[in-house]
Amino acid sequence: MDMGMFPIAVDWKWRMTMSGYRKIAVAIDLSSESDAILKRAADVSAPDGEIHLIYVQEPMDSVYMGVVPYGPVFVGMDEVEENLRSELRQKLDDIGEKFNVPEQARHFISGTPAREIHKFAEEHSVDLIVLGTHGQKGVQLLLGATANSVLHGSSCDVLAVRVFDEV
């Protein structure tokens, strides 16, 4: 390899022995892009690394906060939310099985996505958080609200995998 083409000195011995991240949290939204995000996480994982799959569901009452401040938005909301949680949990399990992520490494969490991702990463001593970001236009949409919040509040490395919306 021609060392003259690099403008800075690189410790090649260190570079060649670096084998990837040992503990990765992959935060997905259960969309069709989840496969691409998981594949990218596997690419940067150490051969004996752990991959944890995370889905964070924001509770419906927090989504509709302000509509009806001290009560359910509609009668039966708890049942609807429980049915949704069950369907989403199944999708998480399906993706986990497809990528051989052990059941104990599939995490369905309720809360605010960025906050819960940070909390999970700290509690599990994660080396890298991998998540998707959409190729949308505009300064605020450059990363997306969740990806931006995770990036700026994380105590570990963050890999934002660019995924594109079908046109």
Foldseek 3Di string as FASTA:
>chain_A
DDPVVDPDDDPVVVVVPDQAWAEEEEEEQLDPCSVVQVVVNVVRHGPNHAYAYEYEAEQPCVVCPPCDPPDDPDPCSVVVRVVVLVVVVVSQVVVCVVVVHDPVRYYYHYHDQLVVVQVVCVVVVGQEYTYEAEPDDDDQRNRHDNRVSNCVPHPHYYHYHYDYDDD
